[in-house]
Amino acid sequence: FISYYDYYQPEAYIPRTDVFIEKDSSTNEDLERLRLSTTASLLSYEDVVCIASVSANYGLGNPNEYIGMVLIFELGMQISQKELLK
């Protein structure tokens, strides 16, 4: 991944004209899904390699928090709806 932005304009200041340009961006939903899928693979398997820029990884959050949101189900496992929704 290079970036998940379709468009990115960093903030800028032009002293000569005293103009401030605000940051603006738009992300690509398909790349966002791939990025999250890659994160899940990196945390779930030991044989995964991901080559990405800092921009593509920025904002993914703490891996430990991501792992805390993962539920692992096994064949034959029984879990109540109440327990699942906790």
Protein backbone atom coordinates (compact mmCIF):
# COMPACT_ATOMS: atom_id res chain seq x y z
CA PHE A 1 0.00 0.00 0.00
CA ILE A 2 1.24 3.47 -0.74
CA SER A 3 -1.64 5.44 0.73
CA TYR A 4 -5.33 5.03 1.28
CA TYR A 5 -6.06 8.58 0.20
CA ASP A 6 -7.56 9.40 -3.19
CA TYR A 7 -6.67 13.01 -2.54
CA TYR A 8 -4.54 14.72 0.12
CA GLN A 9 -3.70 18.41 0.43
CA PRO A 10 -1.52 19.19 3.47
CA GLU A 11 -2.05 22.44 5.31
CA ALA A 12 0.13 25.27 4.11
CA TYR A 13 0.88 28.89 4.82
CA ILE A 14 2.04 31.33 2.15
CA PRO A 15 3.72 34.23 4.00
CA ARG A 16 4.02 36.48 0.94
CA THR A 17 0.24 36.66 0.57
CA ASP A 18 -0.66 35.80 4.20
CA VAL A 19 -2.82 32.90 2.97
CA PHE A 20 -3.47 29.77 5.02
CA ILE A 21 -4.61 26.66 3.14
CA GLU A 22 -6.41 24.11 5.31
CA LYS A 23 -5.69 20.41 5.09
CA ASP A 24 -8.13 18.50 2.88
CA SER A 25 -8.37 14.82 2.02
CA SER A 26 -10.59 12.03 0.78
CA THR A 27 -10.04 8.32 1.37
CA ASN A 28 -10.67 5.35 -0.89
CA GLU A 29 -13.21 2.93 0.67
CA ASP A 30 -11.83 -0.09 -1.20
CA LEU A 31 -8.31 0.61 0.04
CA GLU A 32 -9.63 1.15 3.56
CA ARG A 33 -11.22 -2.33 3.50
CA LEU A 34 -7.96 -3.82 2.21
CA ARG A 35 -6.01 -1.97 4.89
CA LEU A 36 -8.23 -3.31 7.68
CA SER A 37 -8.13 -6.82 6.19
CA THR A 38 -4.34 -6.64 6.10
CA THR A 39 -4.26 -5.54 9.74
CA ALA A 40 -6.44 -8.50 10.71
CA SER A 41 -4.15 -10.88 8.78
CA LEU A 42 -1.03 -9.46 10.41
CA LEU A 43 -2.54 -10.03 13.85
CA SER A 44 -3.98 -13.47 13.05
CA TYR A 45 -1.21 -15.26 11.16
CA GLU A 46 2.54 -15.61 11.54
CA ASP A 47 3.34 -15.96 7.82
CA VAL A 48 2.10 -12.56 6.60
CA VAL A 49 4.29 -9.83 5.15
CA CYS A 50 2.91 -6.38 4.41
CA ILE A 51 4.84 -3.69 2.58
CA ALA A 52 3.30 -0.27 3.13
CA SER A 53 4.14 3.37 3.57
CA VAL A 54 3.78 5.20 6.87
CA SER A 55 0.79 6.98 5.35
CA ALA A 56 -0.99 3.69 4.72
CA ASN A 57 -0.42 2.55 8.31
CA TYR A 58 -1.05 5.87 10.03
CA GLY A 59 -4.21 5.95 12.08
CA LEU A 60 -4.72 2.20 12.36
CA GLY A 61 -4.49 2.51 16.13
CA ASN A 62 -2.94 0.40 18.84
CA PRO A 63 -2.67 -3.30 17.82
CA ASN A 64 -3.58 -4.37 21.36
CA GLU A 65 -6.87 -2.47 21.14
CA TYR A 66 -7.57 -4.09 17.78
CA ILE A 67 -6.87 -7.56 19.20
CA GLY A 68 -9.25 -6.77 22.07
CA MET A 69 -12.08 -6.36 19.55
CA VAL A 70 -11.48 -9.75 17.91
CA LEU A 71 -13.72 -12.70 18.75
CA ILE A 72 -12.47 -16.19 18.00
CA PHE A 73 -15.05 -18.89 17.40
CA GLU A 74 -14.33 -22.59 17.22
CA LEU A 75 -16.45 -25.35 15.72
CA GLY A 76 -18.94 -26.62 18.30
CA MET A 77 -18.41 -23.64 20.60
CA GLN A 78 -21.55 -22.48 22.40
CA ILE A 79 -21.97 -18.86 23.43
CA SER A 80 -25.07 -16.97 24.49
CA GLN A 81 -26.22 -13.86 22.65
CA LYS A 82 -25.78 -11.86 25.86
CA GLU A 83 -22.16 -13.00 26.21
CA LEU A 84 -21.49 -12.31 22.53
CA LEU A 85 -22.78 -8.74 22.76
CA LYS A 86 -20.67 -7.82 25.83
